[in-house]
């Protein structure tokens, strides 16, 4: 099939959505599972009755598109477009940007990226937003997972496949226990850049630029390796493209078929406790599929043979993101086409900063990281700034606090959002608030602390009468020893055995599956008490 035609417009690129739809009708993510029936565009609290049409239906009507065409201050998906352009962020202070020593070289690379095809399509991002809105209403659960930071050196089809199938396993465990669809997002195909506390790193009296991710520089502590190299942006684009090709093939080429559920176990998991637990669950699903087949239910239907899978990353390098921002020809609205979902971290979410200026105008669903230091009024103000018409599925708030601080501070933030009547999806990031350094110098995350923060997240939401919408994990399909604990019993002494991350420690497959079983059990209990998985 032919690629969508490229049309120049306003010095940016637009892709014809008709060709796009033909090319990707069975691609990565165009099928919205369980669309968010009954979610109101202006609904306030999740517990209130919702009667408006689903956002996915609203955005597809000619009347609605015509209305948006006449009034471009807010996009169909909730973006704030007044006085906004893809490059309007350049008038603001941009934090966490690399200091290139050759701006002409950087501009040449960015101009090349601007001519490249988009990595994702606008229709896919809209499909994701419908599914996120469904999760915000308590009728789905969102699973983010993948590397802390993708690596050029570790890139390969096997590594992509192994992380992908652990995410498939986790989603099956969660669906079976919680009884709701799972929206799957990979920290993949673009999760390279990392924010740093300091511009310089000093070792033995020598100071060099901090390592900011493989798309910026290299982790080796030499002047040449630490020099920000614009050419790495092109390599990151190419690797992201290759990763997406694999993910699309896995999602729609039969690999994700539920009939293969017993074959997703990783080889090194076969003799481990969680591998046995997963095999037992897979056998139950096989039996259920055989029963459905005997009843005449078509096991070859698209829902059984393929799955939706979306990509997400922190939109840190604004020059790169700008050049992959494209105009959607059907809605005349801009989308960040480097990933389906983009998020902003705590270090770069200043209301008047460059990152928030960029985020407010892209029509993708977007995430905002918040911590125990976040103020309720400022979070409410930021959500309104990024989603002025309160469109469901537009904003995801990702809390990162640690279990004890979460129990203390998350309720006041939830209350502030509830009192303001704002539509948001709540997700927990139990990784970043639980990082410790050992005496031997390794950064690690105790499994028990990660588990406790997730459980606290569920319990706080049940107490508040709101929905625990999802979890955001740094994990891998590789058999690493980077996080301690779990039934795999990784000790501090084991860290040196297979410590492979170039940035922060990741859960291995056994630890990730253990969390999935624990979350599934917890969600099943909440659902039985009528506080999750029930349309209201």
Protein backbone atom coordinates (compact mmCIF):
# COMPACT_ATOMS: atom_id res chain seq x y z
CA UNK A 1 0.00 0.00 0.00
CA UNK A 2 1.18 3.46 -0.78
CA UNK A 3 2.37 5.92 1.81
CA UNK A 4 0.13 8.94 2.49
CA UNK A 5 0.91 11.93 0.28
CA UNK A 6 2.89 14.74 1.83
CA UNK A 7 1.47 18.23 1.40
CA UNK A 8 3.31 21.39 2.45
CA UNK A 9 1.21 23.81 4.47
CA UNK A 10 2.30 26.74 6.62
CA UNK A 11 5.88 25.45 6.65
CA UNK A 12 4.69 22.26 8.35
CA UNK A 13 3.45 18.98 6.94
CA UNK A 14 -0.03 17.53 6.67
CA UNK A 15 -0.92 13.96 5.78
CA UNK A 16 -4.09 13.12 3.92
CA UNK A 17 -6.28 11.28 6.42
CA UNK A 18 -8.11 9.33 3.72
CA UNK A 19 -4.92 7.59 2.65
CA UNK A 20 -3.94 7.31 6.27
CA UNK A 21 -7.13 5.48 7.14
CA UNK A 22 -6.73 3.08 4.22
CA UNK A 23 -3.16 2.34 5.19
CA UNK A 24 -3.77 1.85 8.89
CA UNK A 25 -7.30 0.50 9.22
CA UNK A 26 -5.84 -2.66 10.77
CA UNK A 27 -2.71 -1.01 12.06
CA UNK A 28 -1.46 -0.38 15.53
CA UNK A 29 -4.35 1.26 17.27
CA UNK A 30 -7.39 2.32 15.32
CA UNK A 31 -9.85 0.06 17.15
CA UNK A 32 -11.21 1.64 20.31
CA UNK A 33 -12.01 -1.17 22.74
CA UNK A 34 -15.27 -0.56 24.58
CA UNK A 35 -15.71 3.10 23.48
CA UNK A 36 -16.52 5.46 26.29
CA UNK A 37 -20.27 5.22 26.03
CA UNK A 38 -22.00 7.76 28.20
CA UNK A 39 -19.02 9.99 28.97
CA UNK A 40 -20.14 13.60 28.86
CA UNK A 41 -17.98 16.28 27.29
CA UNK A 42 -18.71 18.58 30.23
CA UNK A 43 -19.19 15.96 32.94
CA UNK A 44 -17.79 16.83 36.34
CA UNK A 45 -17.35 14.05 38.85
CA UNK A 46 -16.85 10.44 37.84
CA UNK A 47 -19.66 9.37 40.15
CA UNK A 48 -22.25 11.55 38.37
CA UNK A 49 -24.46 10.28 35.58
CA UNK A 50 -23.02 10.92 32.12
CA UNK A 51 -25.30 11.31 29.13
CA UNK A 52 -23.48 13.05 26.29
CA UNK A 53 -22.32 11.28 23.15
CA UNK A 54 -18.92 9.53 23.25
CA UNK A 55 -16.01 11.76 22.28
CA UNK A 56 -15.08 9.32 19.51
CA UNK A 57 -18.49 9.84 17.92
CA UNK A 58 -18.52 13.60 18.49
CA UNK A 59 -15.17 14.08 16.79
CA UNK A 60 -16.22 12.17 13.69
CA UNK A 61 -19.34 14.15 12.80
CA UNK A 62 -19.22 16.65 9.94
CA UNK A 63 -21.17 19.17 12.02
CA UNK A 64 -18.65 19.01 14.82
CA UNK A 65 -15.68 19.28 12.46
CA UNK A 66 -17.37 22.19 10.77
CA UNK A 67 -17.88 23.89 14.11
CA UNK A 68 -14.22 23.42 14.94
CA UNK A 69 -13.22 24.66 11.51
CA UNK A 70 -15.02 27.93 12.20
CA UNK A 71 -13.68 28.28 15.73
CA UNK A 72 -10.08 27.26 16.15
CA UNK A 73 -9.52 28.42 19.70
CA UNK A 74 -10.01 24.85 20.98
CA UNK A 75 -9.45 21.64 19.02
CA UNK A 76 -11.87 18.73 18.83
CA UNK A 77 -9.82 16.85 21.41
CA UNK A 78 -9.45 19.80 23.78
CA UNK A 79 -6.19 21.51 22.74
CA UNK A 80 -5.97 25.28 23.32
CA UNK A 81 -5.15 26.84 19.95
CA UNK A 82 -5.45 30.58 20.57
CA UNK A 83 -2.23 32.29 19.42
CA UNK A 84 -0.57 28.87 19.19
CA UNK A 85 1.77 27.49 16.52
CA UNK A 86 4.07 24.45 16.62
CA UNK A 87 7.02 26.80 17.14
CA UNK A 88 5.40 29.27 19.56
CA UNK A 89 7.23 27.53 22.43
CA UNK A 90 10.42 29.21 21.18
CA UNK A 91 9.30 32.51 22.74
CA UNK A 92 9.34 30.88 26.20
CA UNK A 93 12.13 29.61 28.45
CA UNK A 94 12.86 25.98 27.54
CA UNK A 95 14.38 23.93 30.35
CA UNK A 96 16.27 20.63 30.07
CA UNK A 97 17.43 21.29 26.50
CA UNK A 98 20.92 20.14 25.42
CA UNK A 99 23.57 22.77 24.74
CA UNK A 100 24.67 22.11 21.16
CA UNK A 101 27.93 23.70 20.09
CA UNK A 102 26.89 23.91 16.42
CA UNK A 103 23.41 25.37 15.94
CA UNK A 104 23.71 25.17 12.14
CA UNK A 105 24.32 21.41 12.36
CA UNK A 106 21.31 21.05 14.65
CA UNK A 107 19.07 23.02 12.28
CA UNK A 108 20.15 20.87 9.32
CA UNK A 109 19.16 17.73 11.22
CA UNK A 110 15.83 19.18 12.34
CA UNK A 111 15.02 20.23 8.78
CA UNK A 112 15.68 16.65 7.68
CA UNK A 113 13.36 15.30 10.39
CA UNK A 114 10.65 17.72 9.21
CA UNK A 115 10.69 16.00 5.81
CA UNK A 116 10.36 12.50 7.27
CA UNK A 117 6.97 10.73 7.55
CA UNK A 118 5.10 10.90 10.86
CA UNK A 119 5.73 8.02 13.26
CA UNK A 120 2.05 7.86 14.29
CA UNK A 121 -1.21 9.18 12.86
CA UNK A 122 -3.84 11.58 14.14
CA UNK A 123 -6.64 9.01 13.92
CA UNK A 124 -4.69 6.67 16.18
CA UNK A 125 -4.24 9.41 18.78
CA UNK A 126 -7.99 10.13 18.73
CA UNK A 127 -8.71 6.42 19.20
CA UNK A 128 -6.39 6.39 22.20
CA UNK A 129 -8.10 9.42 23.71
CA UNK A 130 -11.48 7.66 23.51
CA UNK A 131 -10.03 4.68 25.36
CA UNK A 132 -8.39 6.87 28.01
CA UNK A 133 -11.71 8.62 28.60
CA UNK A 134 -13.27 5.20 29.08
CA UNK A 135 -10.62 4.41 31.70
CA UNK A 136 -11.19 7.74 33.45
CA UNK A 137 -14.86 6.74 33.81
CA UNK A 138 -13.79 3.52 35.57
CA UNK A 139 -14.53 1.18 32.67
CA UNK A 140 -10.96 0.29 31.63
CA UNK A 141 -7.46 0.21 33.11
CA UNK A 142 -4.33 1.74 31.55
CA UNK A 143 -0.96 -0.02 31.54
CA UNK A 144 2.16 2.00 30.69
CA UNK A 145 5.39 0.01 30.53
CA UNK A 146 8.85 -0.04 29.04
CA UNK A 147 12.42 1.13 29.45
CA UNK A 148 13.49 4.04 31.59
CA UNK A 149 15.39 5.20 28.51
CA UNK A 150 15.74 3.35 25.22
CA UNK A 151 19.24 2.48 24.13
CA UNK A 152 20.92 2.37 20.73
CA UNK A 153 23.19 -0.46 21.87
CA UNK A 154 20.46 -2.72 23.25
CA UNK A 155 18.05 -2.19 20.35
CA UNK A 156 17.00 -5.39 18.60
CA UNK A 157 13.89 -7.27 17.55
CA UNK A 158 14.20 -9.77 20.41
CA UNK A 159 14.33 -7.08 23.09
CA UNK A 160 11.33 -5.24 21.60
CA UNK A 161 9.41 -8.51 21.35
CA UNK A 162 10.20 -9.62 24.89
CA UNK A 163 9.08 -6.34 26.49
CA UNK A 164 5.99 -6.35 24.28
CA UNK A 165 4.96 -9.84 25.30
CA UNK A 166 5.45 -9.16 29.01
CA UNK A 167 3.05 -6.23 28.54
CA UNK A 168 0.63 -8.61 26.79
CA UNK A 169 0.91 -11.05 29.68
CA UNK A 170 0.31 -8.30 32.22
CA UNK A 171 -2.73 -7.04 30.31
CA UNK A 172 -4.26 -10.53 30.17
CA UNK A 173 -3.73 -10.99 33.91
CA UNK A 174 -5.35 -7.61 34.61
CA UNK A 175 -8.27 -8.18 32.24
CA UNK A 176 -9.00 -11.63 33.62
CA UNK A 177 -9.01 -10.46 37.23
CA UNK A 178 -10.42 -6.95 36.93
CA UNK A 179 -12.95 -7.72 34.20
CA UNK A 180 -12.29 -4.57 32.19
CA UNK A 181 -10.36 -3.77 29.00
CA UNK A 182 -6.70 -2.83 29.41
CA UNK A 183 -5.32 0.06 27.36
CA UNK A 184 -1.69 -0.76 26.54
CA UNK A 185 0.95 1.95 26.08
CA UNK A 186 4.64 1.20 25.62
CA UNK A 187 7.42 3.50 26.76
CA UNK A 188 8.87 2.57 23.39
CA UNK A 189 9.67 3.99 19.96
CA UNK A 190 10.76 7.38 21.30
CA UNK A 191 11.55 7.22 25.04
CA UNK A 192 15.18 8.36 24.74
CA UNK A 193 15.65 11.79 26.35
CA UNK A 194 15.99 12.08 30.12
CA UNK A 195 15.85 15.20 32.33
CA UNK A 196 18.90 15.79 34.52
CA UNK A 197 19.32 17.49 37.88
CA UNK A 198 22.55 19.19 36.73
CA UNK A 199 23.91 20.24 33.34
CA UNK A 200 27.34 18.88 34.28
CA UNK A 201 28.50 15.63 35.87
CA UNK A 202 31.75 15.67 37.83
CA UNK A 203 33.93 12.59 38.40
CA UNK A 204 37.35 12.80 40.05
CA UNK A 205 37.44 16.53 39.51
CA UNK A 206 36.55 16.30 35.80
CA UNK A 207 33.27 17.94 34.70
CA UNK A 208 31.50 16.96 31.48
CA UNK A 209 27.96 17.46 30.14
CA UNK A 210 25.46 15.14 31.83
CA UNK A 211 24.21 12.11 29.93
CA UNK A 212 20.77 13.08 28.61
CA UNK A 213 19.80 9.97 26.68
CA UNK A 214 21.06 8.24 23.55
CA UNK A 215 19.27 10.71 21.28
CA UNK A 216 21.48 13.49 22.74
CA UNK A 217 24.85 12.03 23.74
CA UNK A 218 26.51 8.85 24.97
CA UNK A 219 26.85 7.58 28.54
CA UNK A 220 30.63 7.04 28.36
CA UNK A 221 32.46 9.63 30.44
CA UNK A 222 34.64 11.18 27.74
CA UNK A 223 34.50 14.67 26.16
CA UNK A 224 33.60 13.28 22.73
CA UNK A 225 30.92 10.89 24.02
CA UNK A 226 29.26 13.56 26.17
CA UNK A 227 29.16 16.16 23.39
CA UNK A 228 25.51 16.65 22.34
CA UNK A 229 25.38 15.32 18.77
CA UNK A 230 22.45 16.41 16.55
CA UNK A 231 22.96 13.35 14.34
CA UNK A 232 21.71 11.19 17.19
CA UNK A 233 18.22 12.65 16.68
CA UNK A 234 18.10 11.07 13.23
CA UNK A 235 19.25 7.74 14.65
CA UNK A 236 16.56 7.98 17.33
CA UNK A 237 13.93 8.67 14.65
CA UNK A 238 15.10 5.68 12.60
CA UNK A 239 15.10 3.37 15.63
CA UNK A 240 11.64 4.59 16.63
CA UNK A 241 10.39 3.86 13.13
CA UNK A 242 11.83 0.33 13.24
CA UNK A 243 10.36 -0.28 16.69
CA UNK A 244 6.92 0.86 15.54
CA UNK A 245 7.11 -1.45 12.53
CA UNK A 246 7.74 -4.37 14.89
CA UNK A 247 4.97 -3.32 17.28
CA UNK A 248 2.46 -2.98 14.45
CA UNK A 249 3.42 -6.41 13.11
CA UNK A 250 3.19 -8.03 16.54
CA UNK A 251 -0.16 -6.37 17.28
CA UNK A 252 -1.85 -7.21 14.00
CA UNK A 253 0.08 -10.10 12.48
CA UNK A 254 -1.20 -12.86 14.75
CA UNK A 255 1.41 -12.68 17.52
CA UNK A 256 -1.06 -10.98 19.88
CA UNK A 257 -3.83 -13.50 19.17
CA UNK A 258 -5.44 -14.79 22.37
CA UNK A 259 -5.00 -18.28 20.93
CA UNK A 260 -1.28 -17.78 21.55
CA UNK A 261 -1.75 -16.83 25.20
CA UNK A 262 0.04 -19.97 26.42
CA UNK A 263 3.06 -19.20 24.22
CA UNK A 264 3.84 -15.71 25.54
CA UNK A 265 5.90 -16.91 28.53
CA UNK A 266 9.58 -16.00 28.28
CA UNK A 267 12.02 -18.92 28.33
CA UNK A 268 13.75 -17.83 31.53
CA UNK A 269 10.36 -17.58 33.28
CA UNK A 270 9.43 -21.25 32.77
CA UNK A 271 10.89 -22.44 36.06
CA UNK A 272 9.94 -19.40 38.14
CA UNK A 273 6.92 -19.08 40.40
CA UNK A 274 5.29 -16.28 38.42
CA UNK A 275 5.87 -18.20 35.20
CA UNK A 276 3.89 -21.10 36.68
CA UNK A 277 1.14 -18.73 37.83
CA UNK A 278 0.90 -17.28 34.34
CA UNK A 279 0.76 -20.75 32.72
CA UNK A 280 -2.12 -21.69 35.03
CA UNK A 281 -4.03 -18.53 34.04
CA UNK A 282 -3.26 -19.10 30.35
CA UNK A 283 -4.69 -22.62 30.58
CA UNK A 284 -7.92 -21.18 32.01
CA UNK A 285 -8.14 -18.72 29.13
CA UNK A 286 -7.51 -21.55 26.64
CA UNK A 287 -10.39 -23.48 28.18
CA UNK A 288 -12.63 -20.42 27.97
CA UNK A 289 -11.72 -19.95 24.31
CA UNK A 290 -12.51 -23.60 23.58
CA UNK A 291 -15.90 -23.16 25.27
CA UNK A 292 -16.61 -20.01 23.25
CA UNK A 293 -15.65 -21.83 20.05
CA UNK A 294 -17.99 -24.68 20.93
CA UNK A 295 -20.77 -22.12 21.39
CA UNK A 296 -20.17 -20.85 17.87
CA UNK A 297 -18.35 -17.64 18.78
CA UNK A 298 -15.89 -16.80 16.02
CA UNK A 299 -12.37 -17.21 17.39
CA UNK A 300 -10.98 -15.64 14.22
CA UNK A 301 -12.68 -12.28 14.80
CA UNK A 302 -10.38 -9.21 14.84
CA UNK A 303 -10.91 -8.77 18.60
CA UNK A 304 -9.44 -12.23 19.18
CA UNK A 305 -6.62 -12.03 16.64
CA UNK A 306 -5.12 -8.60 17.24
CA UNK A 307 -4.82 -5.88 19.85
CA UNK A 308 -4.44 -2.14 20.17
CA UNK A 309 -1.00 -0.99 21.28
CA UNK A 310 0.05 2.65 21.60
CA UNK A 311 3.36 4.41 22.16
CA UNK A 312 4.26 7.09 24.70
CA UNK A 313 7.27 9.11 25.80
CA UNK A 314 8.30 12.23 27.66
CA UNK A 315 8.31 15.09 25.14
CA UNK A 316 11.54 16.67 26.32
CA UNK A 317 13.48 17.73 23.20
CA UNK A 318 11.21 20.45 21.86
CA UNK A 319 13.03 20.98 18.57
CA UNK A 320 12.53 17.31 17.68
CA UNK A 321 8.89 17.34 18.80
CA UNK A 322 8.14 20.50 16.84
CA UNK A 323 9.47 19.06 13.58
CA UNK A 324 7.33 15.96 14.01
CA UNK A 325 4.21 18.05 14.69
CA UNK A 326 1.90 17.69 11.69
CA UNK A 327 -1.39 19.18 10.51
CA UNK A 328 -4.22 16.65 10.25
CA UNK A 329 -6.06 17.36 7.00
CA UNK A 330 -9.48 16.16 8.21
CA UNK A 331 -9.64 18.38 11.30
CA UNK A 332 -7.12 21.13 10.44
CA UNK A 333 -5.55 20.53 13.86
CA UNK A 334 -1.98 19.77 14.86
CA UNK A 335 -0.80 16.50 16.36
CA UNK A 336 2.54 15.55 17.82
CA UNK A 337 3.35 12.64 15.54
CA UNK A 338 6.36 11.31 17.44
CA UNK A 339 4.04 9.20 19.68
CA UNK A 340 0.37 8.67 20.39
CA UNK A 341 0.69 9.94 23.97
CA UNK A 342 3.16 12.54 25.24
CA UNK A 343 3.83 13.50 28.83
CA UNK A 344 5.61 16.27 30.67
CA UNK A 345 7.69 15.76 33.80
CA UNK A 346 7.83 17.79 37.00
CA UNK A 347 11.00 19.59 35.95
CA UNK A 348 9.41 21.10 32.83
CA UNK A 349 5.73 21.75 33.63
CA UNK A 350 6.02 25.45 34.51
CA UNK A 351 2.73 27.10 33.41
CA UNK A 352 4.55 29.84 31.49
CA UNK A 353 7.36 27.59 30.24
CA UNK A 354 8.12 26.36 26.74
CA UNK A 355 6.95 22.79 27.32
CA UNK A 356 3.48 23.78 28.50
CA UNK A 357 3.22 26.17 25.55
CA UNK A 358 3.95 23.29 23.18
CA UNK A 359 1.65 20.85 25.00
CA UNK A 360 -1.38 23.14 25.06
CA UNK A 361 -1.68 23.21 21.28
CA UNK A 362 -1.12 19.58 20.25
CA UNK A 363 -4.30 17.53 19.97
CA UNK A 364 -2.83 14.31 21.39
CA UNK A 365 -3.86 13.02 24.79
CA UNK A 366 -1.20 14.27 27.22
CA UNK A 367 0.13 13.43 30.67
CA UNK A 368 1.41 15.57 33.54
CA UNK A 369 3.63 14.16 36.29
CA UNK A 370 2.75 15.38 39.79
CA UNK A 371 4.40 14.76 43.17
CA UNK A 372 3.76 15.28 46.88
CA UNK A 373 5.13 18.81 46.41
CA UNK A 374 2.40 19.70 43.90
CA UNK A 375 -0.14 22.29 44.98
CA UNK A 376 -3.82 21.54 44.33
CA UNK A 377 -4.63 25.01 42.99
CA UNK A 378 -1.68 25.00 40.60
CA UNK A 379 -2.54 21.53 39.29
CA UNK A 380 -6.16 22.61 38.71
CA UNK A 381 -4.96 25.75 36.93
CA UNK A 382 -2.60 23.76 34.71
CA UNK A 383 -5.29 21.24 33.76
CA UNK A 384 -7.62 24.09 32.79
CA UNK A 385 -4.84 25.72 30.77
CA UNK A 386 -4.24 22.51 28.81
CA UNK A 387 -7.88 21.43 28.52
CA UNK A 388 -10.07 24.56 28.59
CA UNK A 389 -13.25 22.76 27.53
CA UNK A 390 -12.77 19.82 29.92
CA UNK A 391 -12.77 17.18 27.18
CA UNK A 392 -12.60 13.61 28.58
CA UNK A 393 -9.44 11.64 27.88
CA UNK A 394 -7.34 14.74 27.16
CA UNK A 395 -5.44 14.92 30.49
CA UNK A 396 -3.77 12.14 32.48
CA UNK A 397 -2.33 13.02 35.90
CA UNK A 398 0.54 10.69 36.81
CA UNK A 399 1.40 10.73 40.53
CA UNK A 400 4.92 9.86 41.72
CA UNK A 401 5.31 10.14 45.49
CA UNK A 402 6.18 6.98 47.44
CA UNK A 403 3.54 5.07 49.40
CA UNK A 404 3.56 7.09 52.62
CA UNK A 405 3.58 10.46 50.90
CA UNK A 406 0.91 9.30 48.47
CA UNK A 407 -1.48 8.46 51.30
CA UNK A 408 -0.86 11.89 52.78
CA UNK A 409 -0.91 14.09 49.68
CA UNK A 410 -2.87 12.38 46.88
CA UNK A 411 -6.28 12.84 48.59
CA UNK A 412 -5.94 16.64 48.63
CA UNK A 413 -5.00 16.68 44.94
CA UNK A 414 -7.92 14.41 44.05
CA UNK A 415 -10.23 16.63 46.08
CA UNK A 416 -8.97 19.75 44.31
CA UNK A 417 -9.65 18.18 40.90
CA UNK A 418 -13.08 16.92 42.03
CA UNK A 419 -14.07 20.29 43.48
CA UNK A 420 -13.12 21.95 40.19
CA UNK A 421 -15.24 19.41 38.27
CA UNK A 422 -12.37 18.41 35.94
CA UNK A 423 -12.16 15.31 33.77
CA UNK A 424 -8.81 13.60 34.31
CA UNK A 425 -7.43 10.08 34.25
CA UNK A 426 -5.47 9.17 37.39
CA UNK A 427 -2.37 6.98 36.92
CA UNK A 428 0.31 6.03 39.43
CA UNK A 429 4.04 5.98 38.72
CA UNK A 430 5.38 3.88 41.63
CA UNK A 431 8.96 3.91 40.36
CA UNK A 432 10.42 7.40 40.73
CA UNK A 433 9.46 7.98 44.35
CA UNK A 434 11.15 4.74 45.42
CA UNK A 435 14.68 4.95 44.06
CA UNK A 436 17.53 4.37 46.53
CA UNK A 437 21.31 4.06 46.18
CA UNK A 438 23.17 1.13 47.72
CA UNK A 439 26.51 1.35 49.51
CA UNK A 440 28.12 -0.15 46.40
CA UNK A 441 26.81 2.74 44.28
CA UNK A 442 23.97 0.98 42.42
CA UNK A 443 20.63 2.74 42.09
CA UNK A 444 17.80 0.33 42.80
CA UNK A 445 14.10 0.21 43.62
CA UNK A 446 12.85 -2.22 46.25
CA UNK A 447 9.95 -4.23 44.81
CA UNK A 448 8.06 -3.97 48.10
CA UNK A 449 8.08 -0.16 47.99
CA UNK A 450 6.81 -0.18 44.39
CA UNK A 451 4.05 -2.62 45.37
CA UNK A 452 3.07 -0.57 48.41
CA UNK A 453 2.69 2.63 46.39
CA UNK A 454 0.41 0.90 43.89
CA UNK A 455 -1.74 -0.57 46.66
CA UNK A 456 -1.91 2.84 48.38
CA UNK A 457 -3.01 4.39 45.07
CA UNK A 458 -5.89 1.90 44.76
CA UNK A 459 -6.95 2.31 48.37
CA UNK A 460 -6.92 6.12 48.31
CA UNK A 461 -9.10 6.20 45.19
CA UNK A 462 -11.58 3.74 46.64
CA UNK A 463 -11.81 5.85 49.81
CA UNK A 464 -12.30 9.02 47.74
CA UNK A 465 -14.93 7.42 45.48
CA UNK A 466 -12.79 8.02 42.37
CA UNK A 467 -11.26 5.66 39.84
CA UNK A 468 -7.70 4.27 39.93
CA UNK A 469 -7.13 4.55 36.20
CA UNK A 470 -3.77 2.96 35.55
CA UNK A 471 -0.12 2.28 36.37
CA UNK A 472 3.10 3.58 34.78
CA UNK A 473 6.05 1.18 35.15
CA UNK A 474 9.68 1.13 34.10
CA UNK A 475 10.20 -2.52 33.20
CA UNK A 476 11.77 -4.80 30.63
CA UNK A 477 11.36 -8.27 29.17
CA UNK A 478 15.04 -8.95 29.83
CA UNK A 479 16.18 -11.05 32.80
CA UNK A 480 17.85 -8.14 34.58
CA UNK A 481 18.73 -7.69 38.26
CA UNK A 482 18.12 -3.99 38.81
CA UNK A 483 15.24 -3.83 41.30
CA UNK A 484 15.55 -5.83 44.52
CA UNK A 485 12.91 -8.08 46.07
CA UNK A 486 9.85 -9.87 44.78
CA UNK A 487 9.38 -13.64 44.66
CA UNK A 488 12.42 -13.69 42.35
CA UNK A 489 14.31 -12.69 45.53
CA UNK A 490 16.78 -10.32 43.89
CA UNK A 491 19.17 -9.18 46.61
CA UNK A 492 21.48 -6.18 46.81
CA UNK A 493 24.34 -8.56 46.11
CA UNK A 494 22.60 -9.73 42.91
CA UNK A 495 22.50 -6.24 41.38
CA UNK A 496 25.94 -6.58 39.82
CA UNK A 497 24.97 -9.79 37.99
CA UNK A 498 22.76 -8.32 35.27
CA UNK A 499 22.58 -4.58 35.88
CA UNK A 500 22.12 -3.37 32.29
CA UNK A 501 20.21 -0.08 32.46
CA UNK A 502 21.91 3.12 31.30
CA UNK A 503 19.63 5.20 33.48
CA UNK A 504 17.22 4.09 36.21
CA UNK A 505 16.57 0.51 37.43
CA UNK A 506 13.78 -1.49 35.80
CA UNK A 507 11.53 -4.30 36.98
CA UNK A 508 12.34 -7.62 35.32
CA UNK A 509 9.65 -9.86 33.80
CA UNK A 510 9.09 -11.87 36.99
CA UNK A 511 8.63 -8.73 39.11
CA UNK A 512 6.35 -7.14 36.49
CA UNK A 513 4.10 -10.21 36.35
CA UNK A 514 4.01 -10.41 40.13
CA UNK A 515 2.74 -6.83 40.22
CA UNK A 516 0.14 -7.65 37.56
CA UNK A 517 -1.26 -10.52 39.68
CA UNK A 518 -1.35 -8.31 42.79
CA UNK A 519 -3.07 -5.47 40.91
CA UNK A 520 -5.54 -7.86 39.31
CA UNK A 521 -6.54 -9.23 42.70
CA UNK A 522 -6.86 -5.75 44.19
CA UNK A 523 -8.96 -4.44 41.30
CA UNK A 524 -11.19 -7.51 41.41
CA UNK A 525 -11.98 -6.73 45.05
CA UNK A 526 -12.71 -3.08 44.31
CA UNK A 527 -14.94 -4.15 41.43
CA UNK A 528 -16.87 -6.58 43.63
CA UNK A 529 -17.58 -3.70 46.00
CA UNK A 530 -19.03 -1.74 43.06
CA UNK A 531 -16.31 0.91 42.89
CA UNK A 532 -14.63 -0.05 39.61
CA UNK A 533 -15.56 -1.44 36.22
CA UNK A 534 -19.16 -0.30 36.37
CA UNK A 535 -20.59 2.34 34.04
CA UNK A 536 -22.24 5.03 36.13
